[in-house]
């Protein structure tokens, strides 16, 4: 039996460094942005991350694309 998958959701997770703690380790925070169009390309997500970076007081350090699929039997 064959299976197929359909992309149903895109989201973007960005992390940014907010400083260091008392022991000198980097401290990071992050935000997730959901309900991004399934037709968004990697370049679209990078442009979105750049726009988010412009709004933050900190620089974005990591960008993650997260996707959800529905798998069905054919």
PDB file of N, CA and C in Angstrom:
ATOM      1  N   UNK A   1       0.844  -1.171   0.000  1.00  0.00           N
ATOM      2  CA  UNK A   1       0.000   0.000   0.000  1.00  0.00           C
ATOM      3  C   UNK A   1       0.894   1.240   0.000  1.00  0.00           C
ATOM      4  N   UNK A   2       0.653   2.149  -0.917  1.00  0.00           N
ATOM      5  CA  UNK A   2       1.454   3.368  -1.041  1.00  0.00           C
ATOM      6  C   UNK A   2       0.910   4.466  -0.133  1.00  0.00           C
ATOM      7  N   UNK A   3       1.792   5.351   0.222  1.00  0.00           N
ATOM      8  CA  UNK A   3       1.409   6.484   1.057  1.00  0.00           C
ATOM      9  C   UNK A   3       1.857   7.771   0.378  1.00  0.00           C
ATOM     10  N   UNK A   4       1.153   8.842   0.676  1.00  0.00           N
ATOM     11  CA  UNK A   4       1.562  10.150   0.177  1.00  0.00           C
ATOM     12  C   UNK A   4       1.358  11.180   1.287  1.00  0.00           C
ATOM     13  N   UNK A   5       2.024  12.294   1.151  1.00  0.00           N
ATOM     14  CA  UNK A   5       1.896  13.334   2.164  1.00  0.00           C
ATOM     15  C   UNK A   5       1.569  14.668   1.510  1.00  0.00           C
ATOM     16  N   UNK A   6       0.867  15.504   2.259  1.00  0.00           N
ATOM     17  CA  UNK A   6       0.475  16.830   1.801  1.00  0.00           C
ATOM     18  C   UNK A   6       0.888  17.834   2.871  1.00  0.00           C
ATOM     19  N   UNK A   7       1.622  18.852   2.465  1.00  0.00           N
ATOM     20  CA  UNK A   7       2.027  19.909   3.381  1.00  0.00           C
ATOM     21  C   UNK A   7       0.795  20.708   3.795  1.00  0.00           C
ATOM     22  N   UNK A   8       0.563  20.826   5.093  1.00  0.00           N
ATOM     23  CA  UNK A   8      -0.619  21.538   5.579  1.00  0.00           C
ATOM     24  C   UNK A   8      -0.289  22.770   6.412  1.00  0.00           C
ATOM     25  N   UNK A   9       0.969  22.877   6.879  1.00  0.00           N
ATOM     26  CA  UNK A   9       1.307  24.035   7.713  1.00  0.00           C
ATOM     27  C   UNK A   9       2.802  24.331   7.648  1.00  0.00           C
ATOM     28  N   UNK A  10       3.130  25.608   7.547  1.00  0.00           N
ATOM     29  CA  UNK A  10       4.492  26.109   7.663  1.00  0.00           C
ATOM     30  C   UNK A  10       4.575  26.982   8.899  1.00  0.00           C
ATOM     31  N   UNK A  11       5.693  26.930   9.587  1.00  0.00           N
ATOM     32  CA  UNK A  11       5.944  27.896  10.649  1.00  0.00           C
ATOM     33  C   UNK A  11       7.422  28.235  10.665  1.00  0.00           C
ATOM     34  N   UNK A  12       7.718  29.344  11.274  1.00  0.00           N
ATOM     35  CA  UNK A  12       9.083  29.840  11.340  1.00  0.00           C
ATOM     36  C   UNK A  12       9.446  30.025  12.796  1.00  0.00           C
ATOM     37  N   UNK A  13      10.606  29.503  13.189  1.00  0.00           N
ATOM     38  CA  UNK A  13      11.116  29.688  14.547  1.00  0.00           C
ATOM     39  C   UNK A  13      12.417  30.467  14.451  1.00  0.00           C
ATOM     40  N   UNK A  14      12.502  31.567  15.193  1.00  0.00           N
ATOM     41  CA  UNK A  14      13.728  32.350  15.215  1.00  0.00           C
ATOM     42  C   UNK A  14      14.254  32.407  16.645  1.00  0.00           C
ATOM     43  N   UNK A  15      15.564  32.331  16.768  1.00  0.00           N
ATOM     44  CA  UNK A  15      16.229  32.465  18.062  1.00  0.00           C
ATOM     45  C   UNK A  15      17.159  33.661  17.992  1.00  0.00           C
ATOM     46  N   UNK A  16      17.342  34.293  19.152  1.00  0.00           N
ATOM     47  CA  UNK A  16      18.233  35.440  19.203  1.00  0.00           C
ATOM     48  C   UNK A  16      18.905  35.498  20.570  1.00  0.00           C
ATOM     49  N   UNK A  17      20.144  35.973  20.569  1.00  0.00           N
ATOM     50  CA  UNK A  17      20.926  36.071  21.797  1.00  0.00           C
ATOM     51  C   UNK A  17      20.557  37.361  22.508  1.00  0.00           C
ATOM     52  N   UNK A  18      20.186  37.231  23.809  1.00  0.00           N
ATOM     53  CA  UNK A  18      19.783  38.407  24.579  1.00  0.00           C
ATOM     54  C   UNK A  18      20.842  38.841  25.589  1.00  0.00           C
ATOM     55  N   UNK A  19      21.909  38.071  25.705  1.00  0.00           N
ATOM     56  CA  UNK A  19      22.968  38.444  26.634  1.00  0.00           C
ATOM     57  C   UNK A  19      23.691  37.221  27.160  1.00  0.00           C
ATOM     58  N   UNK A  20      24.310  37.387  28.316  1.00  0.00           N
ATOM     59  CA  UNK A  20      25.007  36.289  28.991  1.00  0.00           C
ATOM     60  C   UNK A  20      24.538  36.231  30.432  1.00  0.00           C
ATOM     61  N   UNK A  21      24.605  35.021  31.012  1.00  0.00           N
ATOM     62  CA  UNK A  21      24.198  34.880  32.398  1.00  0.00           C
ATOM     63  C   UNK A  21      25.392  35.129  33.326  1.00  0.00           C
ATOM     64  N   UNK A  22      25.193  34.916  34.612  1.00  0.00           N
ATOM     65  CA  UNK A  22      26.233  35.224  35.601  1.00  0.00           C
ATOM     66  C   UNK A  22      27.468  34.339  35.476  1.00  0.00           C
ATOM     67  N   UNK A  23      27.320  33.189  34.808  1.00  0.00           N
ATOM     68  CA  UNK A  23      28.475  32.303  34.615  1.00  0.00           C
ATOM     69  C   UNK A  23      29.120  32.496  33.245  1.00  0.00           C
ATOM     70  N   UNK A  24      28.638  33.466  32.489  1.00  0.00           N
ATOM     71  CA  UNK A  24      29.238  33.778  31.199  1.00  0.00           C
ATOM     72  C   UNK A  24      28.682  33.002  30.017  1.00  0.00           C
ATOM     73  N   UNK A  25      27.624  32.221  30.244  1.00  0.00           N
ATOM     74  CA  UNK A  25      27.020  31.467  29.136  1.00  0.00           C
ATOM     75  C   UNK A  25      26.009  32.345  28.400  1.00  0.00           C
ATOM     76  N   UNK A  26      25.968  32.141  27.082  1.00  0.00           N
ATOM     77  CA  UNK A  26      25.020  32.897  26.266  1.00  0.00           C
ATOM     78  C   UNK A  26      23.581  32.553  26.648  1.00  0.00           C
ATOM     79  N   UNK A  27      22.723  33.558  26.630  1.00  0.00           N
ATOM     80  CA  UNK A  27      21.299  33.381  26.903  1.00  0.00           C
ATOM     81  C   UNK A  27      20.543  33.695  25.616  1.00  0.00           C
ATOM     82  N   UNK A  28      19.713  32.749  25.198  1.00  0.00           N
ATOM     83  CA  UNK A  28      18.941  32.894  23.967  1.00  0.00           C
ATOM     84  C   UNK A  28      17.453  32.893  24.275  1.00  0.00           C
ATOM     85  N   UNK A  29      16.701  33.589  23.469  1.00  0.00           N
ATOM     86  CA  UNK A  29      15.244  33.542  23.494  1.00  0.00           C
ATOM     87  C   UNK A  29      14.791  33.251  22.078  1.00  0.00           C
ATOM     88  N   UNK A  30      13.538  32.864  21.947  1.00  0.00           N
ATOM     89  CA  UNK A  30      13.033  32.556  20.625  1.00  0.00           C
ATOM     90  C   UNK A  30      11.557  32.833  20.507  1.00  0.00           C
ATOM     91  N   UNK A  31      11.115  32.887  19.273  1.00  0.00           N
ATOM     92  CA  UNK A  31       9.699  33.070  18.972  1.00  0.00           C
ATOM     93  C   UNK A  31       9.329  32.186  17.795  1.00  0.00           C
ATOM     94  N   UNK A  32       8.079  31.732  17.809  1.00  0.00           N
ATOM     95  CA  UNK A  32       7.538  30.935  16.714  1.00  0.00           C
ATOM     96  C   UNK A  32       6.446  31.727  16.019  1.00  0.00           C
ATOM     97  N   UNK A  33       6.442  31.651  14.713  1.00  0.00           N
ATOM     98  CA  UNK A  33       5.436  32.318  13.900  1.00  0.00           C
ATOM     99  C   UNK A  33       4.728  31.247  13.086  1.00  0.00           C
ATOM    100  N   UNK A  34       3.447  31.052  13.359  1.00  0.00           N
ATOM    101  CA  UNK A  34       2.676  29.991  12.717  1.00  0.00           C
ATOM    102  C   UNK A  34       1.772  30.569  11.638  1.00  0.00           C
ATOM    103  N   UNK A  35       1.067  29.677  10.967  1.00  0.00           N
ATOM    104  CA  UNK A  35       0.105  30.040   9.922  1.00  0.00           C
ATOM    105  C   UNK A  35       0.753  30.764   8.753  1.00  0.00           C
ATOM    106  N   UNK A  36       1.956  30.371   8.412  1.00  0.00           N
ATOM    107  CA  UNK A  36       2.629  30.905   7.237  1.00  0.00           C
ATOM    108  C   UNK A  36       2.190  30.072   6.037  1.00  0.00           C
ATOM    109  N   UNK A  37       1.928  30.715   4.948  1.00  0.00           N
ATOM    110  CA  UNK A  37       1.430  30.040   3.755  1.00  0.00           C
ATOM    111  C   UNK A  37       2.290  28.830   3.385  1.00  0.00           C
ATOM    112  N   UNK A  38       1.623  27.748   2.988  1.00  0.00           N
ATOM    113  CA  UNK A  38       2.354  26.545   2.575  1.00  0.00           C
ATOM    114  C   UNK A  38       3.109  26.769   1.271  1.00  0.00           C
ATOM    115  N   UNK A  39       2.783  27.845   0.560  1.00  0.00           N
ATOM    116  CA  UNK A  39       3.496  28.137  -0.683  1.00  0.00           C
ATOM    117  C   UNK A  39       4.734  29.012  -0.459  1.00  0.00           C
ATOM    118  N   UNK A  40       4.992  29.407   0.791  1.00  0.00           N
ATOM    119  CA  UNK A  40       6.157  30.245   1.089  1.00  0.00           C
ATOM    120  C   UNK A  40       7.445  29.474   0.805  1.00  0.00           C
ATOM    121  N   UNK A  41       8.355  30.127   0.110  1.00  0.00           N
ATOM    122  CA  UNK A  41       9.646  29.515  -0.217  1.00  0.00           C
ATOM    123  C   UNK A  41      10.647  29.773   0.913  1.00  0.00           C
ATOM    124  N   UNK A  42      11.786  29.097   0.836  1.00  0.00           N
ATOM    125  CA  UNK A  42      12.844  29.339   1.819  1.00  0.00           C
ATOM    126  C   UNK A  42      13.285  30.803   1.768  1.00  0.00           C
ATOM    127  N   UNK A  43      13.345  31.370   0.580  1.00  0.00           N
ATOM    128  CA  UNK A  43      13.722  32.782   0.441  1.00  0.00           C
ATOM    129  C   UNK A  43      12.686  33.687   1.105  1.00  0.00           C
ATOM    130  N   UNK A  44      11.391  33.351   0.957  1.00  0.00           N
ATOM    131  CA  UNK A  44      10.330  34.116   1.630  1.00  0.00           C
ATOM    132  C   UNK A  44      10.527  34.082   3.145  1.00  0.00           C
ATOM    133  N   UNK A  45      10.860  32.910   3.664  1.00  0.00           N
ATOM    134  CA  UNK A  45      11.060  32.773   5.108  1.00  0.00           C
ATOM    135  C   UNK A  45      12.289  33.540   5.564  1.00  0.00           C
ATOM    136  N   UNK A  46      13.331  33.543   4.759  1.00  0.00           N
ATOM    137  CA  UNK A  46      14.530  34.313   5.083  1.00  0.00           C
ATOM    138  C   UNK A  46      14.215  35.811   5.092  1.00  0.00           C
ATOM    139  N   UNK A  47      13.438  36.262   4.117  1.00  0.00           N
ATOM    140  CA  UNK A  47      13.034  37.676   4.088  1.00  0.00           C
ATOM    141  C   UNK A  47      12.181  38.029   5.302  1.00  0.00           C
ATOM    142  N   UNK A  48      11.296  37.119   5.708  1.00  0.00           N
ATOM    143  CA  UNK A  48      10.490  37.335   6.898  1.00  0.00           C
ATOM    144  C   UNK A  48      11.381  37.427   8.132  1.00  0.00           C
ATOM    145  N   UNK A  49      12.364  36.536   8.220  1.00  0.00           N
ATOM    146  CA  UNK A  49      13.299  36.567   9.343  1.00  0.00           C
ATOM    147  C   UNK A  49      14.069  37.887   9.379  1.00  0.00           C
ATOM    148  N   UNK A  50      14.467  38.382   8.220  1.00  0.00           N
ATOM    149  CA  UNK A  50      15.171  39.671   8.156  1.00  0.00           C
ATOM    150  C   UNK A  50      14.273  40.801   8.661  1.00  0.00           C
ATOM    151  N   UNK A  51      12.997  40.756   8.300  1.00  0.00           N
ATOM    152  CA  UNK A  51      12.057  41.783   8.750  1.00  0.00           C
ATOM    153  C   UNK A  51      11.863  41.709  10.263  1.00  0.00           C
ATOM    154  N   UNK A  52      11.799  40.493  10.796  1.00  0.00           N
ATOM    155  CA  UNK A  52      11.679  40.312  12.248  1.00  0.00           C
ATOM    156  C   UNK A  52      12.929  40.841  12.928  1.00  0.00           C
ATOM    157  N   UNK A  53      14.091  40.549  12.353  1.00  0.00           N
ATOM    158  CA  UNK A  53      15.366  41.009  12.908  1.00  0.00           C
ATOM    159  C   UNK A  53      15.387  42.533  13.016  1.00  0.00           C
ATOM    160  N   UNK A  54      14.832  43.210  12.014  1.00  0.00           N
ATOM    161  CA  UNK A  54      14.792  44.675  12.029  1.00  0.00           C
ATOM    162  C   UNK A  54      13.942  45.216  13.181  1.00  0.00           C
ATOM    163  N   UNK A  55      12.958  44.441  13.625  1.00  0.00           N
ATOM    164  CA  UNK A  55      12.058  44.881  14.692  1.00  0.00           C
ATOM    165  C   UNK A  55      12.589  44.594  16.092  1.00  0.00           C
ATOM    166  N   UNK A  56      13.515  43.648  16.201  1.00  0.00           N
ATOM    167  CA  UNK A  56      14.026  43.240  17.505  1.00  0.00           C
ATOM    168  C   UNK A  56      15.187  44.123  17.961  1.00  0.00           C
ATOM    169  N   UNK A  57      15.381  44.151  19.265  1.00  0.00           N
ATOM    170  CA  UNK A  57      16.552  44.828  19.824  1.00  0.00           C
ATOM    171  C   UNK A  57      17.796  43.955  19.725  1.00  0.00           C
ATOM    172  N   UNK A  58      17.625  42.683  19.343  1.00  0.00           N
ATOM    173  CA  UNK A  58      18.714  41.710  19.268  1.00  0.00           C
ATOM    174  C   UNK A  58      18.779  41.138  17.855  1.00  0.00           C
ATOM    175  N   UNK A  59      19.917  40.562  17.505  1.00  0.00           N
ATOM    176  CA  UNK A  59      20.076  39.970  16.180  1.00  0.00           C
ATOM    177  C   UNK A  59      19.629  38.513  16.177  1.00  0.00           C
ATOM    178  N   UNK A  60      18.924  38.125  15.140  1.00  0.00           N
ATOM    179  CA  UNK A  60      18.499  36.737  14.969  1.00  0.00           C
ATOM    180  C   UNK A  60      19.739  35.875  14.753  1.00  0.00           C
ATOM    181  N   UNK A  61      19.835  34.767  15.508  1.00  0.00           N
ATOM    182  CA  UNK A  61      21.002  33.888  15.394  1.00  0.00           C
ATOM    183  C   UNK A  61      20.671  32.576  14.695  1.00  0.00           C
ATOM    184  N   UNK A  62      19.423  32.132  14.798  1.00  0.00           N
ATOM    185  CA  UNK A  62      19.020  30.858  14.200  1.00  0.00           C
ATOM    186  C   UNK A  62      17.633  30.996  13.588  1.00  0.00           C
ATOM    187  N   UNK A  63      17.479  30.427  12.401  1.00  0.00           N
ATOM    188  CA  UNK A  63      16.188  30.400  11.715  1.00  0.00           C
ATOM    189  C   UNK A  63      15.848  28.936  11.449  1.00  0.00           C
ATOM    190  N   UNK A  64      14.642  28.521  11.835  1.00  0.00           N
ATOM    191  CA  UNK A  64      14.208  27.146  11.578  1.00  0.00           C
ATOM    192  C   UNK A  64      12.866  27.158  10.865  1.00  0.00           C
ATOM    193  N   UNK A  65      12.793  26.355   9.820  1.00  0.00           N
ATOM    194  CA  UNK A  65      11.525  26.153   9.119  1.00  0.00           C
ATOM    195  C   UNK A  65      10.920  24.870   9.669  1.00  0.00           C
ATOM    196  N   UNK A  66       9.699  24.962  10.136  1.00  0.00           N
ATOM    197  CA  UNK A  66       9.002  23.791  10.658  1.00  0.00           C
ATOM    198  C   UNK A  66       7.766  23.550   9.814  1.00  0.00           C
ATOM    199  N   UNK A  67       7.584  22.309   9.402  1.00  0.00           N
ATOM    200  CA  UNK A  67       6.467  21.980   8.533  1.00  0.00           C
ATOM    201  C   UNK A  67       5.684  20.799   9.095  1.00  0.00           C
ATOM    202  N   UNK A  68       4.381  20.806   8.839  1.00  0.00           N
ATOM    203  CA  UNK A  68       3.511  19.698   9.222  1.00  0.00           C
ATOM    204  C   UNK A  68       2.857  19.135   7.968  1.00  0.00           C
ATOM    205  N   UNK A  69       2.805  17.822   7.920  1.00  0.00           N
ATOM    206  CA  UNK A  69       2.223  17.117   6.787  1.00  0.00           C
ATOM    207  C   UNK A  69       1.111  16.190   7.260  1.00  0.00           C
ATOM    208  N   UNK A  70       0.162  15.950   6.383  1.00  0.00           N
ATOM    209  CA  UNK A  70      -0.828  14.903   6.596  1.00  0.00           C
ATOM    210  C   UNK A  70      -0.459  13.757   5.671  1.00  0.00           C
ATOM    211  N   UNK A  71      -0.352  12.579   6.234  1.00  0.00           N
ATOM    212  CA  UNK A  71       0.005  11.386   5.459  1.00  0.00           C
ATOM    213  C   UNK A  71      -1.235  10.536   5.262  1.00  0.00           C
ATOM    214  N   UNK A  72      -1.462  10.150   4.018  1.00  0.00           N
ATOM    215  CA  UNK A  72      -2.630   9.332   3.704  1.00  0.00           C
ATOM    216  C   UNK A  72      -2.213   8.102   2.916  1.00  0.00           C
ATOM    217  N   UNK A  73      -3.084   7.113   2.938  1.00  0.00           N
ATOM    218  CA  UNK A  73      -2.879   5.901   2.122  1.00  0.00           C
ATOM    219  C   UNK A  73      -3.498   6.158   0.753  1.00  0.00           C
ATOM    220  N   UNK A  74      -2.834   5.613  -0.253  1.00  0.00           N
ATOM    221  CA  UNK A  74      -3.375   5.760  -1.613  1.00  0.00           C
ATOM    222  C   UNK A  74      -4.099   4.508  -2.034  1.00  0.00           C
TER     223      UNK A  74
END
